[in-house]
């Protein structure tokens, strides 16, 4: 899938993946790809700036974790992030419904 189709929806997608469980960047990338059936196999250069944006907005928080001597930054949703995830889901449903009506998708 073209990455430009994801633009504008990436934050909502990441919020949905983080709602499942906290995770480090590579793990989040893998979960996003798995949950989308491989459609959203996005590069680190796309995901990490979005995670940092979610932190700046207060929708996610992160902390360093060490596993087997490897330090990783683990991201998790905040209460504001859970609210933002709900809003992103509602926005997406309205958008997808409108696109389907315009494109003539089967009901």
C-alpha atoms as a PDB file:
ATOM      1  CA  UNK A   1       0.000   0.000   0.000  1.00  0.00           C
ATOM      2  CA  UNK A   2       1.267   3.473  -0.801  1.00  0.00           C
ATOM      3  CA  UNK A   3       2.487   5.300   2.299  1.00  0.00           C
ATOM      4  CA  UNK A   4       0.820   8.514   1.133  1.00  0.00           C
ATOM      5  CA  UNK A   5      -2.541   6.791   1.740  1.00  0.00           C
ATOM      6  CA  UNK A   6      -1.577   6.393   5.408  1.00  0.00           C
ATOM      7  CA  UNK A   7      -0.749  10.069   5.817  1.00  0.00           C
ATOM      8  CA  UNK A   8      -3.202  11.735   8.159  1.00  0.00           C
ATOM      9  CA  UNK A   9      -4.156   8.422   9.765  1.00  0.00           C
ATOM     10  CA  UNK A  10      -0.826   7.209  11.131  1.00  0.00           C
ATOM     11  CA  UNK A  11      -1.295   8.667  14.595  1.00  0.00           C
ATOM     12  CA  UNK A  12      -4.665   6.946  14.935  1.00  0.00           C
ATOM     13  CA  UNK A  13      -3.189   3.657  13.742  1.00  0.00           C
ATOM     14  CA  UNK A  14      -0.367   3.897  16.267  1.00  0.00           C
ATOM     15  CA  UNK A  15      -2.793   4.782  19.049  1.00  0.00           C
ATOM     16  CA  UNK A  16      -4.802   1.649  18.191  1.00  0.00           C
ATOM     17  CA  UNK A  17      -1.683  -0.538  18.258  1.00  0.00           C
ATOM     18  CA  UNK A  18      -0.537   0.981  21.566  1.00  0.00           C
ATOM     19  CA  UNK A  19      -3.999   0.463  23.016  1.00  0.00           C
ATOM     20  CA  UNK A  20      -3.366  -3.271  22.636  1.00  0.00           C
ATOM     21  CA  UNK A  21      -0.185  -3.099  24.761  1.00  0.00           C
ATOM     22  CA  UNK A  22       2.869  -0.924  25.328  1.00  0.00           C
ATOM     23  CA  UNK A  23       5.814  -1.650  23.060  1.00  0.00           C
ATOM     24  CA  UNK A  24       9.163  -0.532  21.733  1.00  0.00           C
ATOM     25  CA  UNK A  25       9.448   0.962  18.263  1.00  0.00           C
ATOM     26  CA  UNK A  26      10.330  -2.159  16.285  1.00  0.00           C
ATOM     27  CA  UNK A  27       7.662  -4.153  18.108  1.00  0.00           C
ATOM     28  CA  UNK A  28       5.069  -1.488  17.257  1.00  0.00           C
ATOM     29  CA  UNK A  29       6.137  -1.626  13.598  1.00  0.00           C
ATOM     30  CA  UNK A  30       5.736  -5.409  13.610  1.00  0.00           C
ATOM     31  CA  UNK A  31       2.312  -5.295  15.288  1.00  0.00           C
ATOM     32  CA  UNK A  32       1.076  -2.655  12.850  1.00  0.00           C
ATOM     33  CA  UNK A  33       2.201  -4.800   9.919  1.00  0.00           C
ATOM     34  CA  UNK A  34       0.671  -7.961  11.421  1.00  0.00           C
ATOM     35  CA  UNK A  35      -2.674  -6.359  12.305  1.00  0.00           C
ATOM     36  CA  UNK A  36      -2.943  -4.902   8.792  1.00  0.00           C
ATOM     37  CA  UNK A  37      -2.130  -8.181   7.060  1.00  0.00           C
ATOM     38  CA  UNK A  38       1.150  -6.663   5.859  1.00  0.00           C
ATOM     39  CA  UNK A  39      -0.480  -3.617   4.259  1.00  0.00           C
ATOM     40  CA  UNK A  40       1.164  -1.242   6.741  1.00  0.00           C
ATOM     41  CA  UNK A  41       4.772  -2.408   6.647  1.00  0.00           C
ATOM     42  CA  UNK A  42       6.121   1.065   7.311  1.00  0.00           C
ATOM     43  CA  UNK A  43       9.760   2.103   7.746  1.00  0.00           C
ATOM     44  CA  UNK A  44      11.278   3.253  11.033  1.00  0.00           C
ATOM     45  CA  UNK A  45      11.717   6.717   9.526  1.00  0.00           C
ATOM     46  CA  UNK A  46       7.945   7.008   9.357  1.00  0.00           C
ATOM     47  CA  UNK A  47       7.074   5.431  12.710  1.00  0.00           C
ATOM     48  CA  UNK A  48       9.568   7.022  15.100  1.00  0.00           C
ATOM     49  CA  UNK A  49       8.737  10.660  14.248  1.00  0.00           C
ATOM     50  CA  UNK A  50       5.039   9.800  14.728  1.00  0.00           C
ATOM     51  CA  UNK A  51       5.759   8.216  18.121  1.00  0.00           C
ATOM     52  CA  UNK A  52       7.681  11.330  19.146  1.00  0.00           C
ATOM     53  CA  UNK A  53       4.756  13.474  17.963  1.00  0.00           C
ATOM     54  CA  UNK A  54       2.371  11.394  20.119  1.00  0.00           C
ATOM     55  CA  UNK A  55       4.657  11.967  23.097  1.00  0.00           C
ATOM     56  CA  UNK A  56       4.793  15.723  22.523  1.00  0.00           C
ATOM     57  CA  UNK A  57       1.005  15.886  22.302  1.00  0.00           C
ATOM     58  CA  UNK A  58       0.630  13.946  25.566  1.00  0.00           C
ATOM     59  CA  UNK A  59      -1.115  10.987  23.910  1.00  0.00           C
ATOM     60  CA  UNK A  60       1.784   8.628  24.640  1.00  0.00           C
ATOM     61  CA  UNK A  61       4.595   8.404  27.107  1.00  0.00           C
ATOM     62  CA  UNK A  62       7.815   6.435  26.985  1.00  0.00           C
ATOM     63  CA  UNK A  63      10.518   5.129  29.250  1.00  0.00           C
ATOM     64  CA  UNK A  64      13.754   3.266  28.761  1.00  0.00           C
ATOM     65  CA  UNK A  65      13.750  -0.463  29.376  1.00  0.00           C
ATOM     66  CA  UNK A  66      16.612  -2.968  29.360  1.00  0.00           C
ATOM     67  CA  UNK A  67      16.100  -6.495  28.104  1.00  0.00           C
ATOM     68  CA  UNK A  68      19.081  -8.824  27.764  1.00  0.00           C
ATOM     69  CA  UNK A  69      21.392  -5.824  27.982  1.00  0.00           C
ATOM     70  CA  UNK A  70      19.627  -3.949  25.176  1.00  0.00           C
ATOM     71  CA  UNK A  71      18.090  -0.595  25.976  1.00  0.00           C
ATOM     72  CA  UNK A  72      14.797   0.119  24.269  1.00  0.00           C
ATOM     73  CA  UNK A  73      12.334   2.943  24.530  1.00  0.00           C
ATOM     74  CA  UNK A  74       8.906   1.524  25.432  1.00  0.00           C
ATOM     75  CA  UNK A  75       5.865   3.579  24.456  1.00  0.00           C
ATOM     76  CA  UNK A  76       2.464   3.431  26.137  1.00  0.00           C
ATOM     77  CA  UNK A  77      -0.827   5.260  25.846  1.00  0.00           C
ATOM     78  CA  UNK A  78      -1.824   7.904  28.338  1.00  0.00           C
ATOM     79  CA  UNK A  79      -5.422   8.591  29.370  1.00  0.00           C
ATOM     80  CA  UNK A  80      -5.427  11.403  26.793  1.00  0.00           C
ATOM     81  CA  UNK A  81      -4.148   8.907  24.224  1.00  0.00           C
ATOM     82  CA  UNK A  82      -7.036   6.554  24.915  1.00  0.00           C
ATOM     83  CA  UNK A  83      -9.459   9.426  24.357  1.00  0.00           C
ATOM     84  CA  UNK A  84      -7.601  10.409  21.177  1.00  0.00           C
ATOM     85  CA  UNK A  85      -7.777   6.789  19.977  1.00  0.00           C
ATOM     86  CA  UNK A  86     -11.556   6.840  20.389  1.00  0.00           C
ATOM     87  CA  UNK A  87     -11.805  10.129  18.504  1.00  0.00           C
ATOM     88  CA  UNK A  88      -9.522   8.816  15.736  1.00  0.00           C
ATOM     89  CA  UNK A  89     -11.687   5.708  15.401  1.00  0.00           C
ATOM     90  CA  UNK A  90     -14.868   7.816  15.085  1.00  0.00           C
ATOM     91  CA  UNK A  91     -13.201  10.145  12.577  1.00  0.00           C
ATOM     92  CA  UNK A  92     -12.002   7.179  10.527  1.00  0.00           C
ATOM     93  CA  UNK A  93     -15.431   5.530  10.481  1.00  0.00           C
ATOM     94  CA  UNK A  94     -17.038   8.747   9.257  1.00  0.00           C
ATOM     95  CA  UNK A  95     -14.306   9.251   6.630  1.00  0.00           C
ATOM     96  CA  UNK A  96     -14.369   5.636   5.412  1.00  0.00           C
ATOM     97  CA  UNK A  97     -18.157   5.689   5.184  1.00  0.00           C
ATOM     98  CA  UNK A  98     -18.074   8.862   3.102  1.00  0.00           C
ATOM     99  CA  UNK A  99     -15.368   7.471   0.792  1.00  0.00           C
ATOM    100  CA  UNK A 100     -17.328   4.242   0.360  1.00  0.00           C
ATOM    101  CA  UNK A 101     -20.445   6.207  -0.543  1.00  0.00           C
ATOM    102  CA  UNK A 102     -18.535   8.242  -3.136  1.00  0.00           C
ATOM    103  CA  UNK A 103     -16.637   5.263  -4.551  1.00  0.00           C
ATOM    104  CA  UNK A 104     -19.754   3.099  -4.672  1.00  0.00           C
ATOM    105  CA  UNK A 105     -18.540   0.344  -2.373  1.00  0.00           C
ATOM    106  CA  UNK A 106     -20.915  -2.569  -1.901  1.00  0.00           C
ATOM    107  CA  UNK A 107     -22.858  -2.441   1.356  1.00  0.00           C
END
